[in-house]
Protein backbone atom coordinates (compact mmCIF):
# COMPACT_ATOMS: atom_id res chain seq x y z
CA UNK A 1 -1.97 -19.09 -7.50
CA UNK A 2 -2.63 -18.11 -3.87
CA UNK A 3 -3.34 -21.75 -2.91
CA UNK A 4 -0.11 -22.82 -4.61
CA UNK A 5 1.87 -20.21 -2.64
CA UNK A 6 0.24 -21.32 0.61
CA UNK A 7 1.09 -24.94 -0.12
CA UNK A 8 4.75 -24.08 -0.74
CA UNK A 9 4.82 -22.02 2.43
CA UNK A 10 3.60 -24.88 4.65
CA UNK A 11 5.95 -27.36 2.98
CA UNK A 12 8.87 -25.04 3.81
CA UNK A 13 7.64 -24.73 7.39
CA UNK A 14 7.51 -28.52 7.79
CA UNK A 15 11.00 -28.92 6.31
CA UNK A 16 12.38 -26.23 8.61
CA UNK A 17 10.85 -27.84 11.73
CA UNK A 18 12.27 -31.23 10.77
CA UNK A 19 15.75 -29.76 10.24
CA UNK A 20 15.69 -27.83 13.50
CA UNK A 21 14.42 -30.90 15.33
CA UNK A 22 17.21 -33.01 13.79
CA UNK A 23 19.87 -30.59 15.07
CA UNK A 24 18.14 -30.39 18.45
CA UNK A 25 18.14 -34.15 19.07
CA UNK A 26 21.64 -34.87 17.70
CA UNK A 27 23.61 -36.67 20.40
CA UNK A 28 26.31 -39.20 19.55
CA UNK A 29 25.97 -40.83 22.96
CA UNK A 30 22.33 -41.77 22.34
CA UNK A 31 21.33 -44.74 20.21
CA UNK A 32 17.71 -43.56 19.89
CA UNK A 33 15.78 -40.34 20.42
CA UNK A 34 14.35 -40.23 23.97
CA UNK A 35 10.68 -39.37 24.38
CA UNK A 36 11.32 -36.20 26.35
CA UNK A 37 13.07 -34.67 23.30
CA UNK A 38 9.81 -34.87 21.34
CA UNK A 39 7.87 -33.24 24.18
CA UNK A 40 10.41 -30.49 24.76
CA UNK A 41 10.62 -29.66 21.05
CA UNK A 42 6.82 -29.60 20.81
CA UNK A 43 6.84 -27.03 23.62
CA UNK A 44 9.38 -24.90 21.71
CA UNK A 45 7.46 -25.22 18.45
CA UNK A 46 4.21 -24.19 20.16
CA UNK A 47 5.93 -21.12 21.59
CA UNK A 48 7.28 -20.19 18.16
CA UNK A 49 3.82 -20.72 16.66
CA UNK A 50 2.22 -18.32 19.16
CA UNK A 51 4.90 -15.72 18.49
CA UNK A 52 4.66 -16.08 14.71
CA UNK A 53 0.90 -16.03 14.27
CA UNK A 54 -0.32 -13.95 17.19
CA UNK A 55 2.41 -11.74 18.65
CA UNK A 56 3.99 -10.77 15.32
CA UNK A 57 0.67 -9.93 13.68
CA UNK A 58 -0.70 -8.15 16.76
CA UNK A 59 2.27 -6.01 17.74
CA UNK A 60 5.31 -6.12 15.45
CA UNK A 61 3.42 -5.54 12.19
CA UNK A 62 1.72 -2.56 13.83
CA UNK A 63 5.14 -1.21 14.92
CA UNK A 64 4.43 -1.73 18.63
CA UNK A 65 7.97 -2.90 19.32
CA UNK A 66 7.94 -2.75 23.10
CA UNK A 67 4.72 -4.78 23.33
CA UNK A 68 6.22 -7.29 20.93
CA UNK A 69 9.37 -7.67 23.04
CA UNK A 70 7.40 -7.98 26.27
CA UNK A 71 5.08 -10.59 24.74
CA UNK A 72 8.05 -12.46 23.28
CA UNK A 73 9.80 -12.60 26.68
CA UNK A 74 6.56 -13.58 28.42
CA UNK A 75 5.99 -16.53 26.09
CA UNK A 76 9.60 -17.66 26.49
CA UNK A 77 9.16 -17.51 30.27
CA UNK A 78 5.94 -19.52 30.07
CA UNK A 79 7.69 -22.10 27.90
CA UNK A 80 10.52 -22.36 30.45
CA UNK A 81 8.01 -22.88 33.28
CA UNK A 82 6.16 -25.57 31.29
CA UNK A 83 9.43 -27.40 30.73
CA UNK A 84 10.66 -27.09 34.32
CA UNK A 85 7.42 -27.53 36.26
CA UNK A 86 5.51 -29.99 34.04
CA UNK A 87 7.63 -31.79 31.43
CA UNK A 88 10.66 -32.36 33.68
CA UNK A 89 8.46 -33.97 36.31
CA UNK A 90 6.72 -36.19 33.78
CA UNK A 91 9.85 -37.57 32.12
CA UNK A 92 12.39 -37.46 34.96
CA UNK A 93 12.59 -38.45 38.60
CA UNK A 94 14.81 -37.46 41.49
CA UNK A 95 16.94 -34.34 41.60
CA UNK A 96 16.33 -33.22 37.99
CA UNK A 97 12.58 -33.34 38.48
CA UNK A 98 12.72 -31.44 41.78
CA UNK A 99 15.23 -28.73 40.77
CA UNK A 100 14.33 -25.72 38.64
CA UNK A 101 17.11 -24.62 36.28
CA UNK A 102 15.65 -21.59 34.57
CA UNK A 103 18.90 -20.37 33.00
CA UNK A 104 19.72 -23.73 31.44
CA UNK A 105 16.17 -24.11 30.12
CA UNK A 106 16.29 -20.57 28.77
CA UNK A 107 19.54 -21.31 26.91
CA UNK A 108 17.93 -24.43 25.37
CA UNK A 109 14.70 -22.75 24.32
CA UNK A 110 15.80 -19.38 22.90
CA UNK A 111 17.94 -20.65 19.95
CA UNK A 112 15.21 -23.01 18.71
CA UNK A 113 12.41 -20.44 19.06
CA UNK A 114 14.56 -17.73 17.48
CA UNK A 115 15.31 -19.88 14.42
CA UNK A 116 11.65 -20.84 13.92
CA UNK A 117 10.48 -17.27 14.45
CA UNK A 118 13.23 -15.78 12.29
CA UNK A 119 12.36 -18.08 9.40
CA UNK A 120 8.73 -16.95 9.50
CA UNK A 121 9.84 -13.33 9.70
CA UNK A 122 12.10 -13.85 6.68
CA UNK A 123 9.33 -15.53 4.67
CA UNK A 124 6.96 -12.66 5.43
CA UNK A 125 9.59 -10.11 4.38
CA UNK A 126 10.20 -12.02 1.14
CA UNK A 127 6.47 -12.24 0.41
CA UNK A 128 6.05 -8.54 1.11
CA UNK A 129 8.92 -7.69 -1.22
CA UNK A 130 7.36 -9.78 -3.99
CA UNK A 131 4.03 -8.03 -3.45
CA UNK A 132 5.73 -4.62 -3.67
CA UNK A 133 7.46 -5.67 -6.91
CA UNK A 134 4.15 -6.93 -8.31
CA UNK A 135 2.41 -3.65 -7.43
CA UNK A 136 5.29 -1.64 -8.93
CA UNK A 137 4.99 -3.65 -12.13
CA UNK A 138 1.23 -2.98 -12.24
CA UNK A 139 1.79 0.73 -11.65
CA UNK A 140 4.45 0.81 -14.38
CA UNK A 141 2.19 -1.02 -16.82
CA UNK A 142 -0.74 1.28 -16.00
CA UNK A 143 1.42 4.36 -16.50
CA UNK A 144 2.70 3.08 -19.84
CA UNK A 145 -0.85 2.36 -21.00
CA UNK A 146 -1.91 5.82 -19.86
CA UNK A 147 0.93 7.48 -21.76
CA UNK A 148 0.08 5.55 -24.93
CA UNK A 149 -3.63 6.31 -24.56
CA UNK A 150 -2.84 10.04 -24.51
CA UNK A 151 -1.11 9.75 -27.88
CA UNK A 152 -3.71 7.68 -29.71
CA UNK A 153 -6.79 9.98 -29.37
CA UNK A 154 -4.72 12.97 -30.46
CA UNK A 155 -3.61 11.15 -33.59
CA UNK A 156 -7.14 9.93 -34.30
CA UNK A 157 -8.68 13.38 -33.86
CA UNK A 158 -6.26 14.99 -36.33
CA UNK A 159 -6.72 12.37 -39.02
CA UNK A 160 -10.51 12.24 -38.71
CA UNK A 161 -10.58 15.99 -39.30
CA UNK A 162 -8.47 15.55 -42.43
CA UNK A 163 -10.65 12.67 -43.60
CA UNK A 164 -13.76 14.81 -43.10
CA UNK A 165 -12.26 17.60 -45.25
CA UNK A 166 -11.41 15.22 -48.09
CA UNK A 167 -14.85 13.61 -47.89
CA UNK A 168 -16.55 17.02 -48.24
CA UNK A 169 -14.48 17.68 -51.35
CA UNK A 170 -15.28 14.19 -52.69
CA UNK A 171 -11.53 13.74 -53.15
CA UNK A 172 -10.30 10.55 -54.80
CA UNK A 173 -7.74 10.33 -51.97
CA UNK A 174 -10.44 9.53 -49.42
CA UNK A 175 -10.35 5.72 -49.90
CA UNK A 176 -6.54 5.74 -49.56
CA UNK A 177 -6.74 7.75 -46.34
CA UNK A 178 -9.34 5.36 -44.93
CA UNK A 179 -7.19 2.34 -45.81
CA UNK A 180 -4.01 3.79 -44.25
CA UNK A 181 -5.90 5.00 -41.20
CA UNK A 182 -7.65 1.67 -40.63
CA UNK A 183 -4.30 -0.15 -40.78
CA UNK A 184 -2.81 2.13 -38.12
CA UNK A 185 -5.90 1.93 -35.91
CA UNK A 186 -5.87 -1.87 -36.13
CA UNK A 187 -2.24 -1.80 -35.04
CA UNK A 188 -3.04 0.51 -32.13
CA UNK A 189 -5.99 -1.54 -30.92
CA UNK A 190 -4.65 -5.07 -31.21
CA UNK A 191 -0.85 -5.00 -31.24
CA UNK A 192 0.15 -1.96 -29.19
CA UNK A 193 -1.13 -3.48 -25.95
CA UNK A 194 2.16 -5.35 -25.53
CA UNK A 195 5.09 -3.56 -23.96
CA UNK A 196 7.27 -4.35 -26.97
CA UNK A 197 6.45 -5.18 -30.60
CA UNK A 198 8.58 -6.44 -33.53
CA UNK A 199 10.60 -3.62 -35.08
CA UNK A 200 9.44 -4.67 -38.54
CA UNK A 201 5.76 -4.09 -37.67
CA UNK A 202 6.52 -0.75 -36.06
CA UNK A 203 8.31 0.42 -39.21
CA UNK A 204 5.41 -0.75 -41.41
CA UNK A 205 3.00 1.40 -39.41
CA UNK A 206 5.46 4.27 -39.41
CA UNK A 207 5.43 4.14 -43.20
CA UNK A 208 1.62 4.14 -43.21
CA UNK A 209 1.69 7.15 -40.92
CA UNK A 210 4.12 8.97 -43.20
CA UNK A 211 1.88 8.19 -46.19
CA UNK A 212 -1.03 9.81 -44.34
CA UNK A 213 1.09 12.85 -43.64
CA UNK A 214 2.12 13.15 -47.26
CA UNK A 215 -1.52 13.14 -48.32
CA UNK A 216 -2.13 16.07 -45.99
CA UNK A 217 0.84 18.04 -47.35
CA UNK A 218 -0.02 17.27 -50.99
CA UNK A 219 2.14 19.50 -53.23
CA UNK A 220 3.23 21.90 -50.51
CA UNK A 221 6.54 20.26 -49.73
CA UNK A 222 8.84 17.24 -49.76
CA UNK A 223 8.84 14.29 -47.40
CA UNK A 224 11.76 11.85 -47.40
CA UNK A 225 11.92 8.57 -45.54
CA UNK A 226 14.98 6.30 -45.66
CA UNK A 227 15.40 3.11 -43.67
CA UNK A 228 18.20 0.57 -43.46
CA UNK A 229 17.33 -2.43 -41.32
CA UNK A 230 20.46 -4.58 -41.14
CA UNK A 231 19.39 -5.78 -37.67
CA UNK A 232 16.50 -8.23 -37.68
CA UNK A 233 14.40 -9.88 -34.99
CA UNK A 234 14.55 -6.95 -32.55
CA UNK A 235 11.69 -5.51 -30.50
CA UNK A 236 10.77 -1.90 -29.81
CA UNK A 237 8.24 -0.05 -27.66
CA UNK A 238 5.18 0.63 -29.85
CA UNK A 239 4.26 4.14 -31.03
CA UNK A 240 7.60 5.47 -29.89
CA UNK A 241 8.98 6.83 -33.16
CA UNK A 242 5.58 7.81 -34.48
CA UNK A 243 5.32 10.65 -31.95
CA UNK A 244 8.34 12.43 -33.45
CA UNK A 245 7.03 11.98 -36.99
CA UNK A 246 3.60 13.26 -35.96
CA UNK A 247 5.19 16.37 -34.45
CA UNK A 248 7.21 16.95 -37.61
CA UNK A 249 4.09 16.95 -39.80
CA UNK A 250 1.98 18.91 -37.33
CA UNK A 251 4.41 21.75 -36.71
CA UNK A 252 5.60 22.04 -40.31
CA UNK A 253 2.05 22.53 -41.52
CA UNK A 254 1.15 24.87 -38.67
CA UNK A 255 3.95 27.30 -39.42
CA UNK A 256 4.02 27.51 -43.19
CA UNK A 257 1.74 27.04 -46.16
CA UNK A 258 4.34 25.65 -48.57
CA UNK A 259 8.03 24.68 -48.95
CA UNK A 260 7.60 22.09 -46.23
CA UNK A 261 10.63 19.85 -45.72
CA UNK A 262 10.53 16.70 -43.63
CA UNK A 263 13.47 14.30 -43.66
CA UNK A 264 13.31 11.02 -41.72
CA UNK A 265 16.13 8.47 -41.49
CA UNK A 266 16.05 5.20 -39.64
CA UNK A 267 18.62 2.42 -39.40
CA UNK A 268 19.35 -0.51 -37.13
CA UNK A 269 22.63 -2.45 -37.18
CA UNK A 270 22.98 -6.21 -36.46
CA UNK A 271 23.69 -5.53 -32.77
CA UNK A 272 20.31 -3.81 -32.30
CA UNK A 273 21.67 -0.26 -32.13
CA UNK A 274 18.89 1.86 -33.64
CA UNK A 275 19.44 5.40 -34.91
CA UNK A 276 16.41 7.55 -35.70
CA UNK A 277 16.83 11.07 -37.09
CA UNK A 278 13.99 13.39 -38.03
CA UNK A 279 14.10 17.02 -39.05
CA UNK A 280 11.49 19.46 -40.27
CA UNK A 281 11.54 23.16 -41.11
CA UNK A 282 9.47 25.85 -39.43
CA UNK A 283 9.04 29.59 -39.91
CA UNK A 284 8.16 31.07 -36.54
CA UNK A 285 11.17 31.24 -34.24
CA UNK A 286 9.07 31.47 -31.10
CA UNK A 287 7.22 28.32 -31.99
CA UNK A 288 10.11 26.14 -30.80
CA UNK A 289 9.02 26.46 -27.16
CA UNK A 290 5.56 25.16 -28.10
CA UNK A 291 7.15 22.19 -29.88
CA UNK A 292 9.30 21.27 -26.89
CA UNK A 293 6.37 21.46 -24.48
CA UNK A 294 4.03 19.19 -26.44
CA UNK A 295 2.18 16.41 -24.64
CA UNK A 296 3.44 13.80 -27.08
CA UNK A 297 7.10 14.64 -26.53
CA UNK A 298 6.74 14.67 -22.75
CA UNK A 299 5.09 11.26 -22.91
CA UNK A 300 7.72 9.73 -25.14
CA UNK A 301 10.50 11.01 -22.85
CA UNK A 302 8.80 9.35 -19.86
CA UNK A 303 8.39 6.12 -21.80
CA UNK A 304 12.06 6.12 -22.76
CA UNK A 305 13.03 6.55 -19.11
CA UNK A 306 10.74 3.70 -18.07
CA UNK A 307 11.41 1.22 -20.88
CA UNK A 308 14.99 2.03 -21.86
CA UNK A 309 16.78 3.32 -18.75
CA UNK A 310 20.40 4.18 -19.59
CA UNK A 311 19.90 2.58 -23.02
CA UNK A 312 19.01 5.63 -25.08
CA UNK A 313 20.29 9.05 -26.08
CA UNK A 314 17.75 11.66 -27.19
CA UNK A 315 18.79 15.04 -28.53
CA UNK A 316 16.28 17.69 -29.61
CA UNK A 317 17.39 21.07 -30.91
CA UNK A 318 16.82 23.65 -33.65
CA UNK A 319 19.17 25.27 -36.16
CA UNK A 320 18.66 27.31 -39.32
CA UNK A 321 14.88 27.11 -38.92
CA UNK A 322 15.04 23.32 -38.78
CA UNK A 323 13.85 21.28 -35.85
CA UNK A 324 16.05 18.20 -35.24
CA UNK A 325 15.34 15.00 -33.34
CA UNK A 326 18.15 12.49 -32.93
CA UNK A 327 17.44 9.28 -31.03
CA UNK A 328 19.86 6.42 -30.43
CA UNK A 329 18.37 3.36 -28.84
CA UNK A 330 19.68 -0.08 -27.92
CA UNK A 331 17.07 -2.68 -28.82
CA UNK A 332 16.86 -6.23 -27.55
CA UNK A 333 15.33 -9.58 -28.48
CA UNK A 334 13.12 -9.96 -25.39
């Protein structure tokens, strides 16, 4: 990749020099390009080369502006002297060879050198901007992976504890728990590495997760899950909705031994507008602050900001001892 970029860079440099040279030698009164034009332009190009690859890197990139300007003017002056004292005397005779016209030479040199130097400066700025964007993308990807990695161990820890309890009791539900858990873990390991996954797969794993939660609740409450997927072919950030469902099960069971109510509704219309609503009851009024400050919720809020900026509406509140989550999200077919 780096070699390819370097190749493109030098091709652009060659094209630029040819274009600038073409404008420099244009003269309707001349049938052919005189030899001195080649020599003079070579002098200008050499000056631009020294500025681009020595002065810029030595002074300007290190923010030594005055040294850069002094070096720039010094090289322009040297180029003028080369033209007036050497090249003029080689290619011309008589008065033009003997006279030194510094101002005229300066006017001829500065535009050409400025164009060649400015192009290099612009290319460097463009390359730097691309590098910044690449680094920002890497940081964003790393942060997303970090946020998802914080969710997964928490989920695994809780379910392994439940599995251990059922295994000690030799419960006939143990094989079902293992099957549901293995399906979710497979999804986490192999499919959640992408930034977005098919909505259909995410819902399948959400259902597996809900089935695990129902096994934990047993006969202590009611869990409802309704989904209406009119929109097909859309993508969603993985493990996004599962965090809210996990909180619903966790906090319902923490606060009460029975009469647990968890109601989950999910629908997506043909335009990709997704509406997710989840509510669960709780007994302890003061526990709401603990729910709002959970690691999972903080992570999912950050992920929404990063992956769906200005494309979502999340409302979390409590009423009548019910905790409500209402999320509206615009999905896309990326």
